[in-house]
Amino acid sequence: MADDKTTATASPAVAAQNEQRTATIRYIDRPEIDEVFADAVTGLLYDGQTLRMEFAVTRFDEIKPNMPISGRRYPACRLALSPAAAIDLINRMQQVATALAQSGAAKPTSRPGTAS
């Protein structure tokens, strides 16, 4: 019984060492995965645990003279991200936005309440 009690209680130094260890993760590509095209984001929801995003594609109806242009929007992909993945996505999208602004492809937009 004394042995069970000893193994069940870890010293604070061992516990701290276990918390500081990081995993080595290798990326393995899977080229067979389908690529999804989207031209719109139709849904974005963060429920405190998961960021859920829905992407869509727009398909236009046949264009006829003197008629208004019409079309339909279909869901193309639904994506659910953990908070860590959502933060990674936000950081990477900020880098993309900066690169687009620096190249002149996109103009930076000011947020409400901030000076432009």
N, C-alpha and C. Protein backbone atom coordinates (compact mmCIF):
# COMPACT_ATOMS: atom_id res chain seq x y z
N MET A 1 0.82 -1.19 0.00
CA MET A 1 0.00 0.00 0.00
C MET A 1 0.86 1.25 0.00
N ALA A 2 1.98 1.22 0.68
CA ALA A 2 2.86 2.38 0.73
C ALA A 2 3.38 2.70 -0.66
N ASP A 3 3.63 1.68 -1.48
CA ASP A 3 4.13 1.92 -2.83
C ASP A 3 3.08 2.64 -3.68
N ASP A 4 1.79 2.27 -3.54
CA ASP A 4 0.74 2.92 -4.32
C ASP A 4 0.66 4.40 -4.00
N LYS A 5 0.79 4.74 -2.74
CA LYS A 5 0.71 6.13 -2.32
C LYS A 5 1.89 6.92 -2.88
N THR A 6 3.06 6.32 -2.92
CA THR A 6 4.25 6.99 -3.41
C THR A 6 4.15 7.26 -4.92
N THR A 7 3.67 6.29 -5.68
CA THR A 7 3.59 6.46 -7.13
C THR A 7 2.45 7.39 -7.53
N ALA A 8 1.43 7.51 -6.71
CA ALA A 8 0.30 8.36 -7.04
C ALA A 8 0.63 9.84 -6.85
N THR A 9 1.61 10.15 -6.04
CA THR A 9 1.96 11.54 -5.76
C THR A 9 3.28 11.87 -6.44
N ALA A 10 3.24 12.78 -7.41
CA ALA A 10 4.46 13.20 -8.10
C ALA A 10 4.99 14.46 -7.44
N SER A 11 6.31 14.60 -7.43
CA SER A 11 6.89 15.80 -6.84
C SER A 11 6.59 17.00 -7.73
N PRO A 12 6.56 18.21 -7.17
CA PRO A 12 6.30 19.39 -7.98
C PRO A 12 7.32 19.56 -9.12
N ALA A 13 8.56 19.18 -8.91
CA ALA A 13 9.58 19.31 -9.95
C ALA A 13 9.27 18.40 -11.13
N VAL A 14 8.84 17.17 -10.86
CA VAL A 14 8.49 16.23 -11.93
C VAL A 14 7.26 16.73 -12.67
N ALA A 15 6.27 17.23 -11.95
CA ALA A 15 5.05 17.75 -12.58
C ALA A 15 5.38 18.94 -13.47
N ALA A 16 6.23 19.84 -13.03
CA ALA A 16 6.61 21.00 -13.84
C ALA A 16 7.38 20.57 -15.08
N GLN A 17 8.26 19.56 -14.94
CA GLN A 17 9.03 19.07 -16.07
C GLN A 17 8.10 18.46 -17.12
N ASN A 18 7.08 17.71 -16.70
CA ASN A 18 6.13 17.11 -17.62
C ASN A 18 5.31 18.17 -18.36
N GLU A 19 4.96 19.28 -17.68
CA GLU A 19 4.19 20.34 -18.31
C GLU A 19 5.01 21.08 -19.36
N GLN A 20 6.34 21.15 -19.20
CA GLN A 20 7.20 21.91 -20.10
C GLN A 20 7.60 21.11 -21.33
N ARG A 21 7.39 19.82 -21.33
CA ARG A 21 7.75 18.99 -22.48
C ARG A 21 6.84 19.31 -23.65
N THR A 22 7.40 19.38 -24.82
CA THR A 22 6.59 19.63 -26.01
C THR A 22 6.73 18.45 -26.97
N ALA A 23 5.70 18.23 -27.72
CA ALA A 23 5.70 17.13 -28.67
C ALA A 23 6.34 17.58 -29.98
N THR A 24 7.00 16.67 -30.64
CA THR A 24 7.52 16.91 -31.98
C THR A 24 6.49 16.34 -32.95
N ILE A 25 5.94 17.22 -33.78
CA ILE A 25 4.89 16.83 -34.71
C ILE A 25 5.44 16.94 -36.13
N ARG A 26 5.32 15.86 -36.90
CA ARG A 26 5.74 15.88 -38.31
C ARG A 26 4.51 16.07 -39.19
N TYR A 27 4.63 16.92 -40.19
CA TYR A 27 3.55 17.13 -41.16
C TYR A 27 3.69 16.08 -42.25
N ILE A 28 2.61 15.37 -42.53
CA ILE A 28 2.60 14.37 -43.59
C ILE A 28 1.51 14.76 -44.57
N ASP A 29 1.91 15.10 -45.79
CA ASP A 29 0.97 15.55 -46.81
C ASP A 29 0.09 14.40 -47.28
N ARG A 30 -1.15 14.72 -47.66
CA ARG A 30 -2.08 13.75 -48.24
C ARG A 30 -2.64 14.36 -49.51
N PRO A 31 -1.94 14.21 -50.63
CA PRO A 31 -2.37 14.86 -51.88
C PRO A 31 -3.72 14.39 -52.40
N GLU A 32 -4.24 13.29 -51.90
CA GLU A 32 -5.53 12.80 -52.39
C GLU A 32 -6.71 13.58 -51.83
N ILE A 33 -6.49 14.44 -50.85
CA ILE A 33 -7.58 15.23 -50.27
C ILE A 33 -8.09 16.23 -51.30
N ASP A 34 -9.40 16.32 -51.43
CA ASP A 34 -10.00 17.26 -52.38
C ASP A 34 -9.75 18.70 -51.95
N GLU A 35 -9.55 19.55 -52.93
CA GLU A 35 -9.44 20.98 -52.69
C GLU A 35 -10.82 21.58 -52.85
N VAL A 36 -11.20 22.48 -51.96
CA VAL A 36 -12.52 23.09 -52.00
C VAL A 36 -12.37 24.55 -52.38
N PHE A 37 -13.12 24.98 -53.39
CA PHE A 37 -13.15 26.39 -53.78
C PHE A 37 -14.36 27.04 -53.13
N ALA A 38 -14.15 28.25 -52.61
CA ALA A 38 -15.24 29.04 -52.06
C ALA A 38 -15.04 30.48 -52.47
N ASP A 39 -16.15 31.19 -52.69
CA ASP A 39 -16.06 32.61 -53.00
C ASP A 39 -16.81 33.46 -51.98
N ALA A 40 -17.25 32.82 -50.90
CA ALA A 40 -17.96 33.56 -49.85
C ALA A 40 -17.85 32.81 -48.53
N VAL A 41 -17.88 33.57 -47.45
CA VAL A 41 -18.00 33.00 -46.10
C VAL A 41 -19.44 33.27 -45.69
N THR A 42 -20.22 32.22 -45.49
CA THR A 42 -21.64 32.40 -45.19
C THR A 42 -21.97 32.23 -43.71
N GLY A 43 -21.05 31.70 -42.95
CA GLY A 43 -21.31 31.53 -41.53
C GLY A 43 -20.03 31.54 -40.73
N LEU A 44 -20.10 32.15 -39.56
CA LEU A 44 -18.95 32.21 -38.66
C LEU A 44 -19.51 32.27 -37.24
N LEU A 45 -19.16 31.29 -36.42
CA LEU A 45 -19.69 31.22 -35.07
C LEU A 45 -18.62 30.69 -34.13
N TYR A 46 -18.41 31.38 -33.01
CA TYR A 46 -17.53 30.88 -31.96
C TYR A 46 -18.38 30.66 -30.72
N ASP A 47 -18.45 29.43 -30.25
CA ASP A 47 -19.31 29.09 -29.13
C ASP A 47 -18.55 28.98 -27.80
N GLY A 48 -17.29 29.40 -27.78
CA GLY A 48 -16.49 29.30 -26.58
C GLY A 48 -15.57 28.09 -26.60
N GLN A 49 -15.86 27.13 -27.43
CA GLN A 49 -15.05 25.92 -27.55
C GLN A 49 -14.56 25.67 -28.96
N THR A 50 -15.34 26.10 -29.94
CA THR A 50 -15.05 25.79 -31.34
C THR A 50 -15.41 26.97 -32.22
N LEU A 51 -14.52 27.28 -33.18
CA LEU A 51 -14.84 28.25 -34.22
C LEU A 51 -15.39 27.47 -35.39
N ARG A 52 -16.63 27.75 -35.76
CA ARG A 52 -17.27 27.05 -36.87
C ARG A 52 -17.41 28.04 -38.03
N MET A 53 -16.96 27.60 -39.21
CA MET A 53 -17.00 28.44 -40.39
C MET A 53 -17.66 27.68 -41.52
N GLU A 54 -18.47 28.40 -42.30
CA GLU A 54 -19.08 27.79 -43.47
C GLU A 54 -18.69 28.62 -44.68
N PHE A 55 -18.16 27.95 -45.69
CA PHE A 55 -17.76 28.58 -46.94
C PHE A 55 -18.74 28.17 -48.02
N ALA A 56 -18.95 29.06 -48.99
CA ALA A 56 -19.92 28.77 -50.04
C ALA A 56 -19.35 29.14 -51.40
N VAL A 57 -20.00 28.62 -52.43
CA VAL A 57 -19.66 28.94 -53.81
C VAL A 57 -20.93 29.47 -54.49
N THR A 58 -20.75 30.49 -55.32
CA THR A 58 -21.86 31.10 -56.03
C THR A 58 -21.91 30.57 -57.45
N ARG A 59 -23.09 30.15 -57.87
CA ARG A 59 -23.30 29.67 -59.24
C ARG A 59 -24.35 30.57 -59.88
N PHE A 60 -24.00 31.18 -60.99
CA PHE A 60 -24.91 32.09 -61.67
C PHE A 60 -25.79 31.33 -62.65
N ASP A 61 -27.04 31.80 -62.76
CA ASP A 61 -27.96 31.25 -63.75
C ASP A 61 -27.55 31.76 -65.12
N GLU A 62 -28.13 31.16 -66.13
CA GLU A 62 -27.85 31.59 -67.50
C GLU A 62 -28.20 33.08 -67.65
N ILE A 63 -27.30 33.84 -68.24
CA ILE A 63 -27.52 35.27 -68.42
C ILE A 63 -28.32 35.49 -69.69
N LYS A 64 -29.44 36.19 -69.52
CA LYS A 64 -30.33 36.48 -70.65
C LYS A 64 -30.41 37.98 -70.84
N PRO A 65 -30.49 38.44 -72.08
CA PRO A 65 -30.57 39.88 -72.34
C PRO A 65 -31.80 40.50 -71.67
N ASN A 66 -31.62 41.70 -71.17
CA ASN A 66 -32.70 42.48 -70.55
C ASN A 66 -33.33 41.81 -69.34
N MET A 67 -32.60 40.90 -68.72
CA MET A 67 -33.09 40.22 -67.51
C MET A 67 -32.08 40.45 -66.39
N PRO A 68 -32.56 40.57 -65.15
CA PRO A 68 -31.60 40.72 -64.06
C PRO A 68 -30.74 39.46 -63.91
N ILE A 69 -29.51 39.67 -63.49
CA ILE A 69 -28.61 38.53 -63.26
C ILE A 69 -29.02 37.87 -61.95
N SER A 70 -29.11 36.56 -61.98
CA SER A 70 -29.50 35.82 -60.78
C SER A 70 -28.57 34.62 -60.61
N GLY A 71 -28.61 34.07 -59.42
CA GLY A 71 -27.79 32.91 -59.15
C GLY A 71 -28.15 32.28 -57.83
N ARG A 72 -27.38 31.31 -57.45
CA ARG A 72 -27.60 30.58 -56.19
C ARG A 72 -26.27 30.42 -55.48
N ARG A 73 -26.33 30.35 -54.17
CA ARG A 73 -25.13 30.14 -53.38
C ARG A 73 -25.28 28.82 -52.63
N TYR A 74 -24.27 27.95 -52.80
CA TYR A 74 -24.30 26.62 -52.20
C TYR A 74 -23.20 26.47 -51.16
N PRO A 75 -23.47 25.78 -50.05
CA PRO A 75 -22.38 25.49 -49.11
C PRO A 75 -21.34 24.60 -49.79
N ALA A 76 -20.07 24.93 -49.60
CA ALA A 76 -18.99 24.15 -50.19
C ALA A 76 -18.18 23.41 -49.14
N CYS A 77 -18.12 23.99 -47.94
CA CYS A 77 -17.28 23.40 -46.89
C CYS A 77 -17.72 23.94 -45.54
N ARG A 78 -17.80 23.08 -44.57
CA ARG A 78 -18.02 23.49 -43.18
C ARG A 78 -16.79 23.05 -42.40
N LEU A 79 -16.22 23.99 -41.65
CA LEU A 79 -14.96 23.76 -40.95
C LEU A 79 -15.13 24.10 -39.48
N ALA A 80 -14.69 23.22 -38.61
CA ALA A 80 -14.73 23.47 -37.16
C ALA A 80 -13.29 23.44 -36.65
N LEU A 81 -12.90 24.51 -35.92
CA LEU A 81 -11.53 24.65 -35.43
C LEU A 81 -11.51 24.75 -33.92
N SER A 82 -10.49 24.15 -33.33
CA SER A 82 -10.25 24.33 -31.90
C SER A 82 -9.83 25.77 -31.66
N PRO A 83 -9.89 26.26 -30.42
CA PRO A 83 -9.42 27.62 -30.15
C PRO A 83 -7.97 27.85 -30.59
N ALA A 84 -7.10 26.88 -30.39
CA ALA A 84 -5.70 27.03 -30.80
C ALA A 84 -5.57 27.15 -32.32
N ALA A 85 -6.33 26.35 -33.06
CA ALA A 85 -6.30 26.42 -34.52
C ALA A 85 -6.92 27.73 -35.00
N ALA A 86 -7.96 28.21 -34.32
CA ALA A 86 -8.58 29.48 -34.69
C ALA A 86 -7.60 30.63 -34.51
N ILE A 87 -6.86 30.63 -33.42
CA ILE A 87 -5.86 31.67 -33.18
C ILE A 87 -4.76 31.59 -34.24
N ASP A 88 -4.33 30.39 -34.58
CA ASP A 88 -3.33 30.21 -35.63
C ASP A 88 -3.86 30.76 -36.96
N LEU A 89 -5.11 30.48 -37.29
CA LEU A 89 -5.71 30.98 -38.52
C LEU A 89 -5.76 32.51 -38.51
N ILE A 90 -6.17 33.10 -37.41
CA ILE A 90 -6.23 34.56 -37.30
C ILE A 90 -4.85 35.18 -37.51
N ASN A 91 -3.85 34.62 -36.86
CA ASN A 91 -2.49 35.14 -37.01
C ASN A 91 -2.00 35.04 -38.45
N ARG A 92 -2.25 33.91 -39.07
CA ARG A 92 -1.80 33.73 -40.46
C ARG A 92 -2.58 34.63 -41.42
N MET A 93 -3.85 34.84 -41.17
CA MET A 93 -4.63 35.73 -42.03
C MET A 93 -4.18 37.18 -41.87
N GLN A 94 -3.74 37.56 -40.67
CA GLN A 94 -3.19 38.90 -40.48
C GLN A 94 -1.91 39.07 -41.29
N GLN A 95 -1.09 38.02 -41.35
CA GLN A 95 0.13 38.06 -42.16
C GLN A 95 -0.22 38.19 -43.65
N VAL A 96 -1.22 37.47 -44.10
CA VAL A 96 -1.66 37.54 -45.50
C VAL A 96 -2.19 38.94 -45.79
N ALA A 97 -3.00 39.49 -44.89
CA ALA A 97 -3.56 40.83 -45.09
C ALA A 97 -2.44 41.87 -45.20
N THR A 98 -1.42 41.75 -44.36
CA THR A 98 -0.28 42.67 -44.42
C THR A 98 0.44 42.55 -45.75
N ALA A 99 0.68 41.32 -46.20
CA ALA A 99 1.36 41.11 -47.48
C ALA A 99 0.53 41.66 -48.64
N LEU A 100 -0.79 41.46 -48.62
CA LEU A 100 -1.65 41.99 -49.68
C LEU A 100 -1.64 43.51 -49.68
N ALA A 101 -1.67 44.12 -48.50
CA ALA A 101 -1.63 45.58 -48.41
C ALA A 101 -0.29 46.12 -48.90
N GLN A 102 0.81 45.46 -48.54
CA GLN A 102 2.13 45.91 -48.98
C GLN A 102 2.30 45.77 -50.48
N SER A 103 1.67 44.78 -51.09
CA SER A 103 1.79 44.59 -52.53
C SER A 103 0.85 45.49 -53.32
N GLY A 104 -0.08 46.14 -52.63
CA GLY A 104 -1.04 47.00 -53.29
C GLY A 104 -2.26 46.26 -53.79
N ALA A 105 -2.33 44.97 -53.56
CA ALA A 105 -3.48 44.17 -54.00
C ALA A 105 -4.73 44.46 -53.18
N ALA A 106 -4.54 44.91 -51.95
CA ALA A 106 -5.67 45.22 -51.08
C ALA A 106 -5.33 46.45 -50.26
N LYS A 107 -6.33 47.28 -50.02
CA LYS A 107 -6.12 48.47 -49.18
C LYS A 107 -6.49 48.11 -47.76
N PRO A 108 -5.67 48.57 -46.79
CA PRO A 108 -6.03 48.30 -45.39
C PRO A 108 -7.31 49.04 -45.04
N THR A 109 -8.16 48.38 -44.27
CA THR A 109 -9.42 49.00 -43.84
C THR A 109 -9.27 49.41 -42.39
N SER A 110 -9.89 50.52 -42.04
CA SER A 110 -9.85 50.94 -40.65
C SER A 110 -11.04 50.34 -39.92
N ARG A 111 -10.83 50.03 -38.68
CA ARG A 111 -11.89 49.46 -37.84
C ARG A 111 -12.65 50.60 -37.18
N PRO A 112 -13.92 50.40 -36.90
CA PRO A 112 -14.68 51.43 -36.20
C PRO A 112 -14.02 51.77 -34.87
N GLY A 113 -13.91 53.06 -34.60
CA GLY A 113 -13.31 53.48 -33.33
C GLY A 113 -11.82 53.63 -33.38
N THR A 114 -11.19 53.40 -34.55
CA THR A 114 -9.75 53.59 -34.66
C THR A 114 -9.48 54.68 -35.68
N ALA A 115 -8.37 55.36 -35.50
CA ALA A 115 -8.00 56.42 -36.45
C ALA A 115 -7.43 55.78 -37.71
N SER A 116 -7.72 56.39 -38.88
CA SER A 116 -7.18 55.83 -40.11
C SER A 116 -6.01 56.60 -40.61
